[in-house]
Amino acid sequence: MKPKGLENVAEVVHGQSGLYWTACDVTIERDGTYKFAFSYDPPYRLSGHLDDRRFADYLERYLNERKA
């Protein structure tokens, strides 16, 4: 079965660079525009950070950024 969507993108990138990304952040705006940000860093939790609080206040930070 042929990969679909982001899985297909992952396979294409892997074929070109030999790497798989470890995270993909997708930002979708109300006007329909979107942005992908790929990370190849080791997964944060697998690096020993088991109590991951980086996104605890994400919604509040995002809303403040949008107001600025």
PDB file of N, CA and C in Angstrom:
ATOM      1  N   MET A   1       0.845  -1.177   0.000  1.00  0.00           N
ATOM      2  CA  MET A   1       0.000   0.000   0.000  1.00  0.00           C
ATOM      3  C   MET A   1       0.893   1.245   0.000  1.00  0.00           C
ATOM      4  N   LYS A   2       0.579   2.188  -0.864  1.00  0.00           N
ATOM      5  CA  LYS A   2       1.354   3.417  -0.981  1.00  0.00           C
ATOM      6  C   LYS A   2       1.055   4.341   0.201  1.00  0.00           C
ATOM      7  N   PRO A   3       2.118   4.936   0.808  1.00  0.00           N
ATOM      8  CA  PRO A   3       1.892   5.888   1.909  1.00  0.00           C
ATOM      9  C   PRO A   3       1.084   7.086   1.437  1.00  0.00           C
ATOM     10  N   LYS A   4       0.330   7.678   2.357  1.00  0.00           N
ATOM     11  CA  LYS A   4      -0.492   8.847   2.041  1.00  0.00           C
ATOM     12  C   LYS A   4      -0.081  10.029   2.904  1.00  0.00           C
ATOM     13  N   GLY A   5      -0.383  11.239   2.430  1.00  0.00           N
ATOM     14  CA  GLY A   5      -0.205  12.454   3.225  1.00  0.00           C
ATOM     15  C   GLY A   5       1.201  12.638   3.754  1.00  0.00           C
ATOM     16  N   LEU A   6       1.271  12.931   5.048  1.00  0.00           N
ATOM     17  CA  LEU A   6       2.572  13.187   5.681  1.00  0.00           C
ATOM     18  C   LEU A   6       3.466  11.957   5.664  1.00  0.00           C
ATOM     19  N   GLU A   7       2.867  10.791   5.686  1.00  0.00           N
ATOM     20  CA  GLU A   7       3.672   9.566   5.604  1.00  0.00           C
ATOM     21  C   GLU A   7       4.432   9.528   4.278  1.00  0.00           C
ATOM     22  N   ASN A   8       3.776   9.941   3.200  1.00  0.00           N
ATOM     23  CA  ASN A   8       4.428   9.999   1.900  1.00  0.00           C
ATOM     24  C   ASN A   8       5.552  11.030   1.913  1.00  0.00           C
ATOM     25  N   VAL A   9       5.307  12.195   2.498  1.00  0.00           N
ATOM     26  CA  VAL A   9       6.344  13.223   2.604  1.00  0.00           C
ATOM     27  C   VAL A   9       7.541  12.677   3.385  1.00  0.00           C
ATOM     28  N   ALA A  10       7.275  11.966   4.470  1.00  0.00           N
ATOM     29  CA  ALA A  10       8.359  11.383   5.279  1.00  0.00           C
ATOM     30  C   ALA A  10       9.205  10.421   4.447  1.00  0.00           C
ATOM     31  N   GLU A  11       8.565   9.620   3.631  1.00  0.00           N
ATOM     32  CA  GLU A  11       9.294   8.665   2.800  1.00  0.00           C
ATOM     33  C   GLU A  11      10.139   9.375   1.738  1.00  0.00           C
ATOM     34  N   VAL A  12       9.598  10.434   1.143  1.00  0.00           N
ATOM     35  CA  VAL A  12      10.345  11.196   0.136  1.00  0.00           C
ATOM     36  C   VAL A  12      11.569  11.848   0.772  1.00  0.00           C
ATOM     37  N   VAL A  13      11.381  12.501   1.927  1.00  0.00           N
ATOM     38  CA  VAL A  13      12.499  13.146   2.623  1.00  0.00           C
ATOM     39  C   VAL A  13      13.536  12.102   3.035  1.00  0.00           C
ATOM     40  N   HIS A  14      13.070  10.973   3.544  1.00  0.00           N
ATOM     41  CA  HIS A  14      13.999   9.914   3.944  1.00  0.00           C
ATOM     42  C   HIS A  14      14.799   9.425   2.741  1.00  0.00           C
ATOM     43  N   GLY A  15      14.150   9.297   1.596  1.00  0.00           N
ATOM     44  CA  GLY A  15      14.848   8.869   0.390  1.00  0.00           C
ATOM     45  C   GLY A  15      15.907   9.858  -0.057  1.00  0.00           C
ATOM     46  N   GLN A  16      15.682  11.143   0.201  1.00  0.00           N
ATOM     47  CA  GLN A  16      16.627  12.183  -0.214  1.00  0.00           C
ATOM     48  C   GLN A  16      17.759  12.377   0.781  1.00  0.00           C
ATOM     49  N   SER A  17      17.424  12.312   2.079  1.00  0.00           N
ATOM     50  CA  SER A  17      18.432  12.651   3.093  1.00  0.00           C
ATOM     51  C   SER A  17      18.851  11.480   3.970  1.00  0.00           C
ATOM     52  N   GLY A  18      18.068  10.411   3.963  1.00  0.00           N
ATOM     53  CA  GLY A  18      18.367   9.280   4.847  1.00  0.00           C
ATOM     54  C   GLY A  18      17.873   9.507   6.264  1.00  0.00           C
ATOM     55  N   LEU A  19      17.149  10.599   6.498  1.00  0.00           N
ATOM     56  CA  LEU A  19      16.671  10.930   7.840  1.00  0.00           C
ATOM     57  C   LEU A  19      15.150  10.908   7.894  1.00  0.00           C
ATOM     58  N   TYR A  20      14.638  10.579   9.059  1.00  0.00           N
ATOM     59  CA  TYR A  20      13.217  10.752   9.346  1.00  0.00           C
ATOM     60  C   TYR A  20      13.082  11.878  10.354  1.00  0.00           C
ATOM     61  N   TRP A  21      12.058  12.702  10.224  1.00  0.00           N
ATOM     62  CA  TRP A  21      11.863  13.734  11.231  1.00  0.00           C
ATOM     63  C   TRP A  21      11.280  13.106  12.482  1.00  0.00           C
ATOM     64  N   THR A  22      11.505  13.769  13.611  1.00  0.00           N
ATOM     65  CA  THR A  22      10.993  13.272  14.887  1.00  0.00           C
ATOM     66  C   THR A  22       9.762  14.032  15.328  1.00  0.00           C
ATOM     67  N   ALA A  23       9.535  15.207  14.742  1.00  0.00           N
ATOM     68  CA  ALA A  23       8.340  15.993  15.070  1.00  0.00           C
ATOM     69  C   ALA A  23       7.967  16.845  13.863  1.00  0.00           C
ATOM     70  N   CYS A  24       6.685  17.055  13.705  1.00  0.00           N
ATOM     71  CA  CYS A  24       6.184  17.930  12.651  1.00  0.00           C
ATOM     72  C   CYS A  24       5.125  18.826  13.269  1.00  0.00           C
ATOM     73  N   ASP A  25       5.417  20.119  13.327  1.00  0.00           N
ATOM     74  CA  ASP A  25       4.445  21.091  13.827  1.00  0.00           C
ATOM     75  C   ASP A  25       3.713  21.680  12.635  1.00  0.00           C
ATOM     76  N   VAL A  26       2.386  21.633  12.685  1.00  0.00           N
ATOM     77  CA  VAL A  26       1.562  22.179  11.614  1.00  0.00           C
ATOM     78  C   VAL A  26       0.779  23.358  12.176  1.00  0.00           C
ATOM     79  N   THR A  27       0.911  24.511  11.536  1.00  0.00           N
ATOM     80  CA  THR A  27       0.156  25.694  11.924  1.00  0.00           C
ATOM     81  C   THR A  27      -0.854  25.977  10.820  1.00  0.00           C
ATOM     82  N   ILE A  28      -2.132  26.001  11.192  1.00  0.00           N
ATOM     83  CA  ILE A  28      -3.194  26.294  10.240  1.00  0.00           C
ATOM     84  C   ILE A  28      -3.895  27.566  10.700  1.00  0.00           C
ATOM     85  N   GLU A  29      -3.890  28.559   9.821  1.00  0.00           N
ATOM     86  CA  GLU A  29      -4.511  29.832  10.147  1.00  0.00           C
ATOM     87  C   GLU A  29      -5.963  29.850   9.683  1.00  0.00           C
ATOM     88  N   ARG A  30      -6.729  30.776  10.208  1.00  0.00           N
ATOM     89  CA  ARG A  30      -8.141  30.882   9.844  1.00  0.00           C
ATOM     90  C   ARG A  30      -8.362  31.141   8.368  1.00  0.00           C
ATOM     91  N   ASP A  31      -7.401  31.828   7.729  1.00  0.00           N
ATOM     92  CA  ASP A  31      -7.565  32.143   6.311  1.00  0.00           C
ATOM     93  C   ASP A  31      -7.224  30.956   5.405  1.00  0.00           C
ATOM     94  N   GLY A  32      -6.873  29.819   6.021  1.00  0.00           N
ATOM     95  CA  GLY A  32      -6.597  28.613   5.250  1.00  0.00           C
ATOM     96  C   GLY A  32      -5.136  28.393   4.931  1.00  0.00           C
ATOM     97  N   THR A  33      -4.276  29.356   5.267  1.00  0.00           N
ATOM     98  CA  THR A  33      -2.851  29.152   5.038  1.00  0.00           C
ATOM     99  C   THR A  33      -2.315  28.208   6.099  1.00  0.00           C
ATOM    100  N   TYR A  34      -1.263  27.528   5.761  1.00  0.00           N
ATOM    101  CA  TYR A  34      -0.666  26.588   6.708  1.00  0.00           C
ATOM    102  C   TYR A  34       0.846  26.578   6.545  1.00  0.00           C
ATOM    103  N   LYS A  35       1.510  26.087   7.581  1.00  0.00           N
ATOM    104  CA  LYS A  35       2.965  26.042   7.606  1.00  0.00           C
ATOM    105  C   LYS A  35       3.381  24.756   8.315  1.00  0.00           C
ATOM    106  N   PHE A  36       4.382  24.090   7.784  1.00  0.00           N
ATOM    107  CA  PHE A  36       4.936  22.893   8.402  1.00  0.00           C
ATOM    108  C   PHE A  36       6.336  23.210   8.915  1.00  0.00           C
ATOM    109  N   ALA A  37       6.658  22.741  10.095  1.00  0.00           N
ATOM    110  CA  ALA A  37       8.011  22.877  10.645  1.00  0.00           C
ATOM    111  C   ALA A  37       8.456  21.490  11.100  1.00  0.00           C
ATOM    112  N   PHE A  38       9.501  20.978  10.490  1.00  0.00           N
ATOM    113  CA  PHE A  38       9.987  19.639  10.785  1.00  0.00           C
ATOM    114  C   PHE A  38      11.208  19.717  11.691  1.00  0.00           C
ATOM    115  N   SER A  39      11.297  18.794  12.626  1.00  0.00           N
ATOM    116  CA  SER A  39      12.445  18.721  13.526  1.00  0.00           C
ATOM    117  C   SER A  39      13.088  17.349  13.399  1.00  0.00           C
ATOM    118  N   TYR A  40      14.395  17.351  13.420  1.00  0.00           N
ATOM    119  CA  TYR A  40      15.152  16.107  13.345  1.00  0.00           C
ATOM    120  C   TYR A  40      15.912  15.838  14.647  1.00  0.00           C
ATOM    121  N   ASP A  41      15.636  16.652  15.661  1.00  0.00           N
ATOM    122  CA  ASP A  41      16.284  16.476  16.962  1.00  0.00           C
ATOM    123  C   ASP A  41      15.773  15.213  17.644  1.00  0.00           C
ATOM    124  N   PRO A  42      16.557  14.658  18.556  1.00  0.00           N
ATOM    125  CA  PRO A  42      16.050  13.507  19.314  1.00  0.00           C
ATOM    126  C   PRO A  42      14.767  13.896  20.046  1.00  0.00           C
ATOM    127  N   PRO A  43      13.798  12.998  20.120  1.00  0.00           N
ATOM    128  CA  PRO A  43      12.552  13.324  20.825  1.00  0.00           C
ATOM    129  C   PRO A  43      12.824  13.797  22.247  1.00  0.00           C
ATOM    130  N   TYR A  44      12.155  14.880  22.642  1.00  0.00           N
ATOM    131  CA  TYR A  44      12.404  15.521  23.930  1.00  0.00           C
ATOM    132  C   TYR A  44      12.266  14.549  25.093  1.00  0.00           C
ATOM    133  N   ARG A  45      11.187  13.810  25.135  1.00  0.00           N
ATOM    134  CA  ARG A  45      10.974  12.890  26.262  1.00  0.00           C
ATOM    135  C   ARG A  45      11.988  11.762  26.273  1.00  0.00           C
ATOM    136  N   LEU A  46      12.427  11.309  25.111  1.00  0.00           N
ATOM    137  CA  LEU A  46      13.419  10.240  25.060  1.00  0.00           C
ATOM    138  C   LEU A  46      14.810  10.747  25.427  1.00  0.00           C
ATOM    139  N   SER A  47      14.962  12.053  25.570  1.00  0.00           N
ATOM    140  CA  SER A  47      16.232  12.638  25.985  1.00  0.00           C
ATOM    141  C   SER A  47      16.316  12.758  27.504  1.00  0.00           C
ATOM    142  N   GLY A  48      15.362  12.159  28.211  1.00  0.00           N
ATOM    143  CA  GLY A  48      15.393  12.161  29.672  1.00  0.00           C
ATOM    144  C   GLY A  48      14.476  13.173  30.315  1.00  0.00           C
ATOM    145  N   HIS A  49      13.731  13.941  29.542  1.00  0.00           N
ATOM    146  CA  HIS A  49      12.822  14.950  30.076  1.00  0.00           C
ATOM    147  C   HIS A  49      11.416  14.350  30.162  1.00  0.00           C
ATOM    148  N   LEU A  50      11.174  13.609  31.225  1.00  0.00           N
ATOM    149  CA  LEU A  50       9.915  12.887  31.328  1.00  0.00           C
ATOM    150  C   LEU A  50       8.743  13.770  31.724  1.00  0.00           C
ATOM    151  N   ASP A  51       9.012  14.858  32.427  1.00  0.00           N
ATOM    152  CA  ASP A  51       7.946  15.771  32.840  1.00  0.00           C
ATOM    153  C   ASP A  51       7.930  16.958  31.876  1.00  0.00           C
ATOM    154  N   ASP A  52       7.412  16.731  30.705  1.00  0.00           N
ATOM    155  CA  ASP A  52       7.439  17.730  29.636  1.00  0.00           C
ATOM    156  C   ASP A  52       6.351  18.771  29.868  1.00  0.00           C
ATOM    157  N   ARG A  53       6.757  19.974  30.301  1.00  0.00           N
ATOM    158  CA  ARG A  53       5.815  21.056  30.591  1.00  0.00           C
ATOM    159  C   ARG A  53       5.939  22.195  29.582  1.00  0.00           C
ATOM    160  N   ARG A  54       6.635  21.957  28.464  1.00  0.00           N
ATOM    161  CA  ARG A  54       6.889  23.034  27.505  1.00  0.00           C
ATOM    162  C   ARG A  54       5.612  23.636  26.947  1.00  0.00           C
ATOM    163  N   PHE A  55       4.537  22.881  26.888  1.00  0.00           N
ATOM    164  CA  PHE A  55       3.304  23.366  26.285  1.00  0.00           C
ATOM    165  C   PHE A  55       2.207  23.619  27.312  1.00  0.00           C
ATOM    166  N   ALA A  56       2.557  23.670  28.575  1.00  0.00           N
ATOM    167  CA  ALA A  56       1.557  23.857  29.632  1.00  0.00           C
ATOM    168  C   ALA A  56       0.786  25.166  29.456  1.00  0.00           C
ATOM    169  N   ASP A  57       1.469  26.212  29.018  1.00  0.00           N
ATOM    170  CA  ASP A  57       0.800  27.508  28.831  1.00  0.00           C
ATOM    171  C   ASP A  57       0.776  27.918  27.352  1.00  0.00           C
ATOM    172  N   TYR A  58       0.788  26.946  26.480  1.00  0.00           N
ATOM    173  CA  TYR A  58       0.892  27.238  25.054  1.00  0.00           C
ATOM    174  C   TYR A  58      -0.271  28.084  24.538  1.00  0.00           C
ATOM    175  N   LEU A  59      -1.490  27.727  24.898  1.00  0.00           N
ATOM    176  CA  LEU A  59      -2.644  28.472  24.387  1.00  0.00           C
ATOM    177  C   LEU A  59      -2.560  29.945  24.800  1.00  0.00           C
ATOM    178  N   GLU A  60      -2.211  30.190  26.037  1.00  0.00           N
ATOM    179  CA  GLU A  60      -2.091  31.570  26.516  1.00  0.00           C
ATOM    180  C   GLU A  60      -1.001  32.318  25.744  1.00  0.00           C
ATOM    181  N   ARG A  61       0.156  31.684  25.544  1.00  0.00           N
ATOM    182  CA  ARG A  61       1.244  32.320  24.791  1.00  0.00           C
ATOM    183  C   ARG A  61       0.830  32.585  23.354  1.00  0.00           C
ATOM    184  N   TYR A  62       0.149  31.630  22.742  1.00  0.00           N
ATOM    185  CA  TYR A  62      -0.293  31.792  21.358  1.00  0.00           C
ATOM    186  C   TYR A  62      -1.259  32.971  21.223  1.00  0.00           C
ATOM    187  N   LEU A  63      -2.219  33.044  22.118  1.00  0.00           N
ATOM    188  CA  LEU A  63      -3.185  34.132  22.063  1.00  0.00           C
ATOM    189  C   LEU A  63      -2.522  35.486  22.269  1.00  0.00           C
ATOM    190  N   ASN A  64      -1.550  35.558  23.166  1.00  0.00           N
ATOM    191  CA  ASN A  64      -0.807  36.804  23.382  1.00  0.00           C
ATOM    192  C   ASN A  64      -0.003  37.191  22.150  1.00  0.00           C
ATOM    193  N   GLU A  65       0.606  36.206  21.473  1.00  0.00           N
ATOM    194  CA  GLU A  65       1.358  36.487  20.263  1.00  0.00           C
ATOM    195  C   GLU A  65       0.445  37.024  19.164  1.00  0.00           C
ATOM    196  N   ARG A  66      -0.744  36.488  19.083  1.00  0.00           N
ATOM    197  CA  ARG A  66      -1.691  36.911  18.043  1.00  0.00           C
ATOM    198  C   ARG A  66      -2.171  38.344  18.270  1.00  0.00           C
ATOM    199  N   LYS A  67      -2.245  38.768  19.530  1.00  0.00           N
ATOM    200  CA  LYS A  67      -2.671  40.125  19.840  1.00  0.00           C
ATOM    201  C   LYS A  67      -1.604  41.149  19.494  1.00  0.00           C
ATOM    202  N   ALA A  68      -0.345  40.745  19.587  1.00  0.00           N
ATOM    203  CA  ALA A  68       0.772  41.686  19.371  1.00  0.00           C
ATOM    204  C   ALA A  68       0.895  42.141  17.946  1.00  0.00           C
TER     205      ALA A  68
END
